Amino acid sequence: MKNQEIRNTVAELQDLYAAQDVLKAQITEREQAIKDELDAREIETLDLGNVIIRWTSQVADRLSTKDVREYLKSMNVLDNFIKTVYSKRFSIA
């Protein structure tokens, strides 16, 4: 691929990224409108016949990795479990 082809492809990607941002904002806006309506009606489920919308509360127990990391570090154990991982990252600036 020649540099000009790469420039053209990057320009197309930037346009697509911009369109994606607009679409994500529109999706978020519409989802929030539905969530607000369900909250206003004080319901968690709405059956519209062809689609069921759920906006439910959930409770979860999660491990605080920050606290675990600090605890293991204070016990001088953390270094035994750290490994270096290599990866590649693609970005356009």
PDB file of N, CA and C in Angstrom:
ATOM      1  N   MET A   1       0.853  -1.167   0.000  1.00  0.00           N
ATOM      2  CA  MET A   1       0.000   0.000   0.000  1.00  0.00           C
ATOM      3  C   MET A   1       0.903   1.235   0.000  1.00  0.00           C
ATOM      4  N   LYS A   2       0.642   2.148  -0.881  1.00  0.00           N
ATOM      5  CA  LYS A   2       1.443   3.369  -0.976  1.00  0.00           C
ATOM      6  C   LYS A   2       0.980   4.385   0.066  1.00  0.00           C
ATOM      7  N   ASN A   3       1.851   5.370   0.350  1.00  0.00           N
ATOM      8  CA  ASN A   3       1.535   6.367   1.371  1.00  0.00           C
ATOM      9  C   ASN A   3       0.238   7.115   1.082  1.00  0.00           C
ATOM     10  N   GLN A   4       0.000   7.441  -0.179  1.00  0.00           N
ATOM     11  CA  GLN A   4      -1.233   8.152  -0.528  1.00  0.00           C
ATOM     12  C   GLN A   4      -2.460   7.283  -0.249  1.00  0.00           C
ATOM     13  N   GLU A   5      -2.352   5.990  -0.532  1.00  0.00           N
ATOM     14  CA  GLU A   5      -3.453   5.079  -0.237  1.00  0.00           C
ATOM     15  C   GLU A   5      -3.702   4.999   1.271  1.00  0.00           C
ATOM     16  N   ILE A   6      -2.604   4.990   2.035  1.00  0.00           N
ATOM     17  CA  ILE A   6      -2.743   4.957   3.489  1.00  0.00           C
ATOM     18  C   ILE A   6      -3.398   6.243   3.980  1.00  0.00           C
ATOM     19  N   ARG A   7      -2.978   7.403   3.431  1.00  0.00           N
ATOM     20  CA  ARG A   7      -3.595   8.682   3.806  1.00  0.00           C
ATOM     21  C   ARG A   7      -5.097   8.661   3.518  1.00  0.00           C
ATOM     22  N   ASN A   8      -5.472   8.156   2.353  1.00  0.00           N
ATOM     23  CA  ASN A   8      -6.889   8.084   1.989  1.00  0.00           C
ATOM     24  C   ASN A   8      -7.655   7.164   2.941  1.00  0.00           C
ATOM     25  N   THR A   9      -7.048   6.040   3.262  1.00  0.00           N
ATOM     26  CA  THR A   9      -7.690   5.104   4.179  1.00  0.00           C
ATOM     27  C   THR A   9      -7.838   5.719   5.566  1.00  0.00           C
ATOM     28  N   VAL A  10      -6.807   6.433   6.016  1.00  0.00           N
ATOM     29  CA  VAL A  10      -6.872   7.097   7.315  1.00  0.00           C
ATOM     30  C   VAL A  10      -7.960   8.164   7.312  1.00  0.00           C
ATOM     31  N   ALA A  11      -8.073   8.915   6.239  1.00  0.00           N
ATOM     32  CA  ALA A  11      -9.124   9.935   6.137  1.00  0.00           C
ATOM     33  C   ALA A  11     -10.506   9.285   6.211  1.00  0.00           C
ATOM     34  N   GLU A  12     -10.666   8.149   5.525  1.00  0.00           N
ATOM     35  CA  GLU A  12     -11.939   7.422   5.579  1.00  0.00           C
ATOM     36  C   GLU A  12     -12.207   6.942   7.004  1.00  0.00           C
ATOM     37  N   LEU A  13     -11.172   6.423   7.656  1.00  0.00           N
ATOM     38  CA  LEU A  13     -11.330   5.968   9.037  1.00  0.00           C
ATOM     39  C   LEU A  13     -11.733   7.109   9.956  1.00  0.00           C
ATOM     40  N   GLN A  14     -11.121   8.261   9.803  1.00  0.00           N
ATOM     41  CA  GLN A  14     -11.458   9.404  10.640  1.00  0.00           C
ATOM     42  C   GLN A  14     -12.906   9.818  10.437  1.00  0.00           C
ATOM     43  N   ASP A  15     -13.379   9.784   9.194  1.00  0.00           N
ATOM     44  CA  ASP A  15     -14.788  10.080   8.925  1.00  0.00           C
ATOM     45  C   ASP A  15     -15.698   9.049   9.605  1.00  0.00           C
ATOM     46  N   LEU A  16     -15.309   7.783   9.514  1.00  0.00           N
ATOM     47  CA  LEU A  16     -16.103   6.729  10.142  1.00  0.00           C
ATOM     48  C   LEU A  16     -16.107   6.865  11.665  1.00  0.00           C
ATOM     49  N   TYR A  17     -14.936   7.198  12.250  1.00  0.00           N
ATOM     50  CA  TYR A  17     -14.875   7.416  13.698  1.00  0.00           C
ATOM     51  C   TYR A  17     -15.797   8.555  14.118  1.00  0.00           C
ATOM     52  N   ALA A  18     -15.808   9.629  13.330  1.00  0.00           N
ATOM     53  CA  ALA A  18     -16.669  10.767  13.644  1.00  0.00           C
ATOM     54  C   ALA A  18     -18.139  10.365  13.566  1.00  0.00           C
ATOM     55  N   ALA A  19     -18.489   9.613  12.533  1.00  0.00           N
ATOM     56  CA  ALA A  19     -19.877   9.144  12.382  1.00  0.00           C
ATOM     57  C   ALA A  19     -20.243   8.207  13.531  1.00  0.00           C
ATOM     58  N   GLN A  20     -19.291   7.387  13.937  1.00  0.00           N
ATOM     59  CA  GLN A  20     -19.528   6.467  15.046  1.00  0.00           C
ATOM     60  C   GLN A  20     -19.809   7.242  16.330  1.00  0.00           C
ATOM     61  N   ASP A  21     -19.065   8.300  16.571  1.00  0.00           N
ATOM     62  CA  ASP A  21     -19.284   9.113  17.772  1.00  0.00           C
ATOM     63  C   ASP A  21     -20.675   9.734  17.768  1.00  0.00           C
ATOM     64  N   VAL A  22     -21.093  10.205  16.599  1.00  0.00           N
ATOM     65  CA  VAL A  22     -22.437  10.792  16.482  1.00  0.00           C
ATOM     66  C   VAL A  22     -23.497   9.736  16.749  1.00  0.00           C
ATOM     67  N   LEU A  23     -23.331   8.555  16.166  1.00  0.00           N
ATOM     68  CA  LEU A  23     -24.294   7.476  16.374  1.00  0.00           C
ATOM     69  C   LEU A  23     -24.341   7.034  17.836  1.00  0.00           C
ATOM     70  N   LYS A  24     -23.159   6.915  18.471  1.00  0.00           N
ATOM     71  CA  LYS A  24     -23.134   6.528  19.887  1.00  0.00           C
ATOM     72  C   LYS A  24     -23.876   7.552  20.738  1.00  0.00           C
ATOM     73  N   ALA A  25     -23.691   8.831  20.437  1.00  0.00           N
ATOM     74  CA  ALA A  25     -24.376   9.882  21.197  1.00  0.00           C
ATOM     75  C   ALA A  25     -25.888   9.781  21.000  1.00  0.00           C
ATOM     76  N   GLN A  26     -26.318   9.537  19.775  1.00  0.00           N
ATOM     77  CA  GLN A  26     -27.746   9.401  19.505  1.00  0.00           C
ATOM     78  C   GLN A  26     -28.332   8.185  20.204  1.00  0.00           C
ATOM     79  N   ILE A  27     -27.594   7.083  20.191  1.00  0.00           N
ATOM     80  CA  ILE A  27     -28.054   5.863  20.865  1.00  0.00           C
ATOM     81  C   ILE A  27     -28.180   6.109  22.360  1.00  0.00           C
ATOM     82  N   THR A  28     -27.158   6.724  22.944  1.00  0.00           N
ATOM     83  CA  THR A  28     -27.178   7.009  24.377  1.00  0.00           C
ATOM     84  C   THR A  28     -28.339   7.919  24.742  1.00  0.00           C
ATOM     85  N   GLU A  29     -28.588   8.916  23.917  1.00  0.00           N
ATOM     86  CA  GLU A  29     -29.693   9.853  24.162  1.00  0.00           C
ATOM     87  C   GLU A  29     -31.038   9.142  24.157  1.00  0.00           C
ATOM     88  N   ARG A  30     -31.239   8.280  23.180  1.00  0.00           N
ATOM     89  CA  ARG A  30     -32.512   7.564  23.083  1.00  0.00           C
ATOM     90  C   ARG A  30     -32.670   6.545  24.213  1.00  0.00           C
ATOM     91  N   GLU A  31     -31.570   5.851  24.549  1.00  0.00           N
ATOM     92  CA  GLU A  31     -31.635   4.909  25.667  1.00  0.00           C
ATOM     93  C   GLU A  31     -31.988   5.637  26.962  1.00  0.00           C
ATOM     94  N   GLN A  32     -31.376   6.798  27.166  1.00  0.00           N
ATOM     95  CA  GLN A  32     -31.638   7.557  28.390  1.00  0.00           C
ATOM     96  C   GLN A  32     -33.086   8.020  28.455  1.00  0.00           C
ATOM     97  N   ALA A  33     -33.661   8.396  27.314  1.00  0.00           N
ATOM     98  CA  ALA A  33     -35.066   8.813  27.279  1.00  0.00           C
ATOM     99  C   ALA A  33     -35.971   7.661  27.716  1.00  0.00           C
ATOM    100  N   ILE A  34     -35.651   6.446  27.257  1.00  0.00           N
ATOM    101  CA  ILE A  34     -36.453   5.278  27.637  1.00  0.00           C
ATOM    102  C   ILE A  34     -36.268   4.973  29.124  1.00  0.00           C
ATOM    103  N   LYS A  35     -35.018   5.044  29.604  1.00  0.00           N
ATOM    104  CA  LYS A  35     -34.755   4.801  31.030  1.00  0.00           C
ATOM    105  C   LYS A  35     -35.494   5.806  31.903  1.00  0.00           C
ATOM    106  N   ASP A  36     -35.463   7.071  31.485  1.00  0.00           N
ATOM    107  CA  ASP A  36     -36.167   8.111  32.239  1.00  0.00           C
ATOM    108  C   ASP A  36     -37.662   7.836  32.289  1.00  0.00           C
ATOM    109  N   GLU A  37     -38.212   7.383  31.177  1.00  0.00           N
ATOM    110  CA  GLU A  37     -39.640   7.072  31.128  1.00  0.00           C
ATOM    111  C   GLU A  37     -39.980   5.895  32.042  1.00  0.00           C
ATOM    112  N   LEU A  38     -39.150   4.855  32.019  1.00  0.00           N
ATOM    113  CA  LEU A  38     -39.394   3.712  32.898  1.00  0.00           C
ATOM    114  C   LEU A  38     -39.284   4.128  34.361  1.00  0.00           C
ATOM    115  N   ASP A  39     -38.317   4.984  34.668  1.00  0.00           N
ATOM    116  CA  ASP A  39     -38.208   5.492  36.041  1.00  0.00           C
ATOM    117  C   ASP A  39     -39.428   6.312  36.421  1.00  0.00           C
ATOM    118  N   ALA A  40     -39.906   7.153  35.510  1.00  0.00           N
ATOM    119  CA  ALA A  40     -41.080   7.986  35.786  1.00  0.00           C
ATOM    120  C   ALA A  40     -42.312   7.124  36.027  1.00  0.00           C
ATOM    121  N   ARG A  41     -42.421   6.027  35.299  1.00  0.00           N
ATOM    122  CA  ARG A  41     -43.549   5.110  35.489  1.00  0.00           C
ATOM    123  C   ARG A  41     -43.338   4.177  36.679  1.00  0.00           C
ATOM    124  N   GLU A  42     -42.124   4.195  37.229  1.00  0.00           N
ATOM    125  CA  GLU A  42     -41.750   3.330  38.342  1.00  0.00           C
ATOM    126  C   GLU A  42     -41.940   1.858  38.011  1.00  0.00           C
ATOM    127  N   ILE A  43     -41.475   1.483  36.811  1.00  0.00           N
ATOM    128  CA  ILE A  43     -41.516   0.085  36.380  1.00  0.00           C
ATOM    129  C   ILE A  43     -40.124  -0.313  35.918  1.00  0.00           C
ATOM    130  N   GLU A  44     -39.855  -1.611  36.001  1.00  0.00           N
ATOM    131  CA  GLU A  44     -38.566  -2.127  35.550  1.00  0.00           C
ATOM    132  C   GLU A  44     -38.672  -2.862  34.226  1.00  0.00           C
ATOM    133  N   THR A  45     -39.882  -3.279  33.853  1.00  0.00           N
ATOM    134  CA  THR A  45     -40.081  -4.031  32.625  1.00  0.00           C
ATOM    135  C   THR A  45     -41.262  -3.457  31.863  1.00  0.00           C
ATOM    136  N   LEU A  46     -41.087  -3.323  30.561  1.00  0.00           N
ATOM    137  CA  LEU A  46     -42.160  -2.838  29.701  1.00  0.00           C
ATOM    138  C   LEU A  46     -42.257  -3.771  28.507  1.00  0.00           C
ATOM    139  N   ASP A  47     -43.404  -4.449  28.383  1.00  0.00           N
ATOM    140  CA  ASP A  47     -43.635  -5.373  27.273  1.00  0.00           C
ATOM    141  C   ASP A  47     -44.408  -4.642  26.195  1.00  0.00           C
ATOM    142  N   LEU A  48     -43.775  -4.431  25.062  1.00  0.00           N
ATOM    143  CA  LEU A  48     -44.406  -3.728  23.951  1.00  0.00           C
ATOM    144  C   LEU A  48     -44.928  -4.680  22.886  1.00  0.00           C
ATOM    145  N   GLY A  49     -44.946  -5.953  23.182  1.00  0.00           N
ATOM    146  CA  GLY A  49     -45.436  -6.939  22.228  1.00  0.00           C
ATOM    147  C   GLY A  49     -44.301  -7.536  21.420  1.00  0.00           C
ATOM    148  N   ASN A  50     -43.675  -6.725  20.605  1.00  0.00           N
ATOM    149  CA  ASN A  50     -42.587  -7.239  19.777  1.00  0.00           C
ATOM    150  C   ASN A  50     -41.214  -7.093  20.440  1.00  0.00           C
ATOM    151  N   VAL A  51     -41.175  -6.377  21.558  1.00  0.00           N
ATOM    152  CA  VAL A  51     -39.919  -6.171  22.279  1.00  0.00           C
ATOM    153  C   VAL A  51     -40.224  -5.967  23.761  1.00  0.00           C
ATOM    154  N   ILE A  52     -39.332  -6.468  24.598  1.00  0.00           N
ATOM    155  CA  ILE A  52     -39.465  -6.281  26.037  1.00  0.00           C
ATOM    156  C   ILE A  52     -38.271  -5.441  26.489  1.00  0.00           C
ATOM    157  N   ILE A  53     -38.560  -4.345  27.167  1.00  0.00           N
ATOM    158  CA  ILE A  53     -37.517  -3.449  27.665  1.00  0.00           C
ATOM    159  C   ILE A  53     -37.388  -3.670  29.155  1.00  0.00           C
ATOM    160  N   ARG A  54     -36.149  -3.863  29.603  1.00  0.00           N
ATOM    161  CA  ARG A  54     -35.886  -4.038  31.033  1.00  0.00           C
ATOM    162  C   ARG A  54     -34.887  -2.983  31.490  1.00  0.00           C
ATOM    163  N   TRP A  55     -35.184  -2.350  32.616  1.00  0.00           N
ATOM    164  CA  TRP A  55     -34.298  -1.383  33.264  1.00  0.00           C
ATOM    165  C   TRP A  55     -34.335  -1.761  34.733  1.00  0.00           C
ATOM    166  N   THR A  56     -33.485  -2.742  35.081  1.00  0.00           N
ATOM    167  CA  THR A  56     -33.562  -3.358  36.394  1.00  0.00           C
ATOM    168  C   THR A  56     -32.359  -3.000  37.262  1.00  0.00           C
ATOM    169  N   SER A  57     -32.581  -3.035  38.549  1.00  0.00           N
ATOM    170  CA  SER A  57     -31.508  -2.823  39.515  1.00  0.00           C
ATOM    171  C   SER A  57     -30.804  -4.146  39.752  1.00  0.00           C
ATOM    172  N   GLN A  58     -29.501  -4.076  39.919  1.00  0.00           N
ATOM    173  CA  GLN A  58     -28.723  -5.272  40.182  1.00  0.00           C
ATOM    174  C   GLN A  58     -27.775  -5.012  41.340  1.00  0.00           C
ATOM    175  N   VAL A  59     -27.493  -6.069  42.074  1.00  0.00           N
ATOM    176  CA  VAL A  59     -26.521  -6.006  43.161  1.00  0.00           C
ATOM    177  C   VAL A  59     -25.437  -7.028  42.852  1.00  0.00           C
ATOM    178  N   ALA A  60     -24.188  -6.610  42.974  1.00  0.00           N
ATOM    179  CA  ALA A  60     -23.078  -7.516  42.684  1.00  0.00           C
ATOM    180  C   ALA A  60     -21.973  -7.310  43.711  1.00  0.00           C
ATOM    181  N   ASP A  61     -21.321  -8.396  44.057  1.00  0.00           N
ATOM    182  CA  ASP A  61     -20.135  -8.323  44.901  1.00  0.00           C
ATOM    183  C   ASP A  61     -18.924  -8.386  43.985  1.00  0.00           C
ATOM    184  N   ARG A  62     -18.064  -7.398  44.113  1.00  0.00           N
ATOM    185  CA  ARG A  62     -16.887  -7.344  43.251  1.00  0.00           C
ATOM    186  C   ARG A  62     -15.635  -7.307  44.100  1.00  0.00           C
ATOM    187  N   LEU A  63     -14.615  -7.921  43.585  1.00  0.00           N
ATOM    188  CA  LEU A  63     -13.329  -7.934  44.260  1.00  0.00           C
ATOM    189  C   LEU A  63     -12.631  -6.598  44.034  1.00  0.00           C
ATOM    190  N   SER A  64     -12.196  -5.975  45.096  1.00  0.00           N
ATOM    191  CA  SER A  64     -11.465  -4.721  44.996  1.00  0.00           C
ATOM    192  C   SER A  64     -10.003  -5.047  44.721  1.00  0.00           C
ATOM    193  N   THR A  65      -9.632  -5.038  43.472  1.00  0.00           N
ATOM    194  CA  THR A  65      -8.260  -5.389  43.103  1.00  0.00           C
ATOM    195  C   THR A  65      -7.257  -4.398  43.677  1.00  0.00           C
ATOM    196  N   LYS A  66      -7.692  -3.163  43.850  1.00  0.00           N
ATOM    197  CA  LYS A  66      -6.805  -2.166  44.445  1.00  0.00           C
ATOM    198  C   LYS A  66      -6.438  -2.572  45.871  1.00  0.00           C
ATOM    199  N   ASP A  67      -7.438  -2.949  46.662  1.00  0.00           N
ATOM    200  CA  ASP A  67      -7.185  -3.359  48.039  1.00  0.00           C
ATOM    201  C   ASP A  67      -6.370  -4.645  48.104  1.00  0.00           C
ATOM    202  N   VAL A  68      -6.680  -5.590  47.229  1.00  0.00           N
ATOM    203  CA  VAL A  68      -5.928  -6.848  47.194  1.00  0.00           C
ATOM    204  C   VAL A  68      -4.477  -6.570  46.834  1.00  0.00           C
ATOM    205  N   ARG A  69      -4.273  -5.722  45.850  1.00  0.00           N
ATOM    206  CA  ARG A  69      -2.924  -5.382  45.419  1.00  0.00           C
ATOM    207  C   ARG A  69      -2.132  -4.750  46.568  1.00  0.00           C
ATOM    208  N   GLU A  70      -2.750  -3.815  47.296  1.00  0.00           N
ATOM    209  CA  GLU A  70      -2.072  -3.166  48.420  1.00  0.00           C
ATOM    210  C   GLU A  70      -1.762  -4.171  49.528  1.00  0.00           C
ATOM    211  N   TYR A  71      -2.695  -5.063  49.789  1.00  0.00           N
ATOM    212  CA  TYR A  71      -2.487  -6.069  50.829  1.00  0.00           C
ATOM    213  C   TYR A  71      -1.332  -6.994  50.448  1.00  0.00           C
ATOM    214  N   LEU A  72      -1.349  -7.497  49.214  1.00  0.00           N
ATOM    215  CA  LEU A  72      -0.289  -8.403  48.772  1.00  0.00           C
ATOM    216  C   LEU A  72       1.063  -7.705  48.715  1.00  0.00           C
ATOM    217  N   LYS A  73       1.036  -6.440  48.345  1.00  0.00           N
ATOM    218  CA  LYS A  73       2.285  -5.678  48.292  1.00  0.00           C
ATOM    219  C   LYS A  73       2.860  -5.519  49.698  1.00  0.00           C
ATOM    220  N   SER A  74       2.004  -5.265  50.668  1.00  0.00           N
ATOM    221  CA  SER A  74       2.475  -5.099  52.046  1.00  0.00           C
ATOM    222  C   SER A  74       3.032  -6.409  52.604  1.00  0.00           C
ATOM    223  N   MET A  75       2.586  -7.526  52.065  1.00  0.00           N
ATOM    224  CA  MET A  75       3.065  -8.833  52.523  1.00  0.00           C
ATOM    225  C   MET A  75       4.241  -9.319  51.671  1.00  0.00           C
ATOM    226  N   ASN A  76       4.699  -8.496  50.728  1.00  0.00           N
ATOM    227  CA  ASN A  76       5.793  -8.845  49.807  1.00  0.00           C
ATOM    228  C   ASN A  76       5.481 -10.096  48.985  1.00  0.00           C
ATOM    229  N   VAL A  77       4.240 -10.247  48.609  1.00  0.00           N
ATOM    230  CA  VAL A  77       3.804 -11.406  47.842  1.00  0.00           C
ATOM    231  C   VAL A  77       3.506 -11.021  46.393  1.00  0.00           C
ATOM    232  N   LEU A  78       3.160  -9.783  46.181  1.00  0.00           N
ATOM    233  CA  LEU A  78       2.682  -9.353  44.870  1.00  0.00           C
ATOM    234  C   LEU A  78       3.688  -9.623  43.759  1.00  0.00           C
ATOM    235  N   ASP A  79       4.957  -9.384  43.989  1.00  0.00           N
ATOM    236  CA  ASP A  79       5.964  -9.563  42.944  1.00  0.00           C
ATOM    237  C   ASP A  79       6.036 -10.993  42.422  1.00  0.00           C
ATOM    238  N   ASN A  80       5.615 -11.959  43.223  1.00  0.00           N
ATOM    239  CA  ASN A  80       5.629 -13.355  42.787  1.00  0.00           C
ATOM    240  C   ASN A  80       4.590 -13.636  41.705  1.00  0.00           C
ATOM    241  N   PHE A  81       3.594 -12.762  41.579  1.00  0.00           N
ATOM    242  CA  PHE A  81       2.502 -13.008  40.645  1.00  0.00           C
ATOM    243  C   PHE A  81       2.460 -12.020  39.483  1.00  0.00           C
ATOM    244  N   ILE A  82       3.410 -11.127  39.411  1.00  0.00           N
ATOM    245  CA  ILE A  82       3.449 -10.147  38.329  1.00  0.00           C
ATOM    246  C   ILE A  82       4.219 -10.736  37.155  1.00  0.00           C
ATOM    247  N   LYS A  83       3.658 -10.618  35.969  1.00  0.00           N
ATOM    248  CA  LYS A  83       4.383 -11.051  34.782  1.00  0.00           C
ATOM    249  C   LYS A  83       4.265  -9.965  33.728  1.00  0.00           C
ATOM    250  N   THR A  84       5.254  -9.849  32.917  1.00  0.00           N
ATOM    251  CA  THR A  84       5.281  -8.856  31.856  1.00  0.00           C
ATOM    252  C   THR A  84       4.576  -9.427  30.639  1.00  0.00           C
ATOM    253  N   VAL A  85       3.687  -8.635  30.080  1.00  0.00           N
ATOM    254  CA  VAL A  85       2.924  -9.055  28.906  1.00  0.00           C
ATOM    255  C   VAL A  85       3.178  -8.051  27.792  1.00  0.00           C
ATOM    256  N   TYR A  86       3.434  -8.534  26.611  1.00  0.00           N
ATOM    257  CA  TYR A  86       3.677  -7.678  25.462  1.00  0.00           C
ATOM    258  C   TYR A  86       2.489  -7.742  24.516  1.00  0.00           C
ATOM    259  N   SER A  87       2.152  -6.601  23.963  1.00  0.00           N
ATOM    260  CA  SER A  87       1.049  -6.546  23.008  1.00  0.00           C
ATOM    261  C   SER A  87       1.299  -5.414  22.033  1.00  0.00           C
ATOM    262  N   LYS A  88       0.483  -5.357  20.998  1.00  0.00           N
ATOM    263  CA  LYS A  88       0.556  -4.278  20.018  1.00  0.00           C
ATOM    264  C   LYS A  88      -0.707  -3.434  20.130  1.00  0.00           C
ATOM    265  N   ARG A  89      -0.559  -2.147  19.887  1.00  0.00           N
ATOM    266  CA  ARG A  89      -1.707  -1.256  19.964  1.00  0.00           C
ATOM    267  C   ARG A  89      -1.748  -0.398  18.710  1.00  0.00           C
ATOM    268  N   PHE A  90      -2.919  -0.307  18.106  1.00  0.00           N
ATOM    269  CA  PHE A  90      -3.109   0.467  16.886  1.00  0.00           C
ATOM    270  C   PHE A  90      -3.762   1.788  17.239  1.00  0.00           C
ATOM    271  N   SER A  91      -3.201   2.888  16.748  1.00  0.00           N
ATOM    272  CA  SER A  91      -3.827   4.183  16.961  1.00  0.00           C
ATOM    273  C   SER A  91      -3.511   5.104  15.785  1.00  0.00           C
ATOM    274  N   ILE A  92      -4.387   6.054  15.582  1.00  0.00           N
ATOM    275  CA  ILE A  92      -4.191   7.077  14.565  1.00  0.00           C
ATOM    276  C   ILE A  92      -4.277   8.404  15.280  1.00  0.00           C
ATOM    277  N   ALA A  93      -3.215   9.187  15.196  1.00  0.00           N
ATOM    278  CA  ALA A  93      -3.191  10.467  15.898  1.00  0.00           C
ATOM    279  C   ALA A  93      -3.192  11.612  14.896  1.00  0.00           C
TER     280      ALA A  93
END
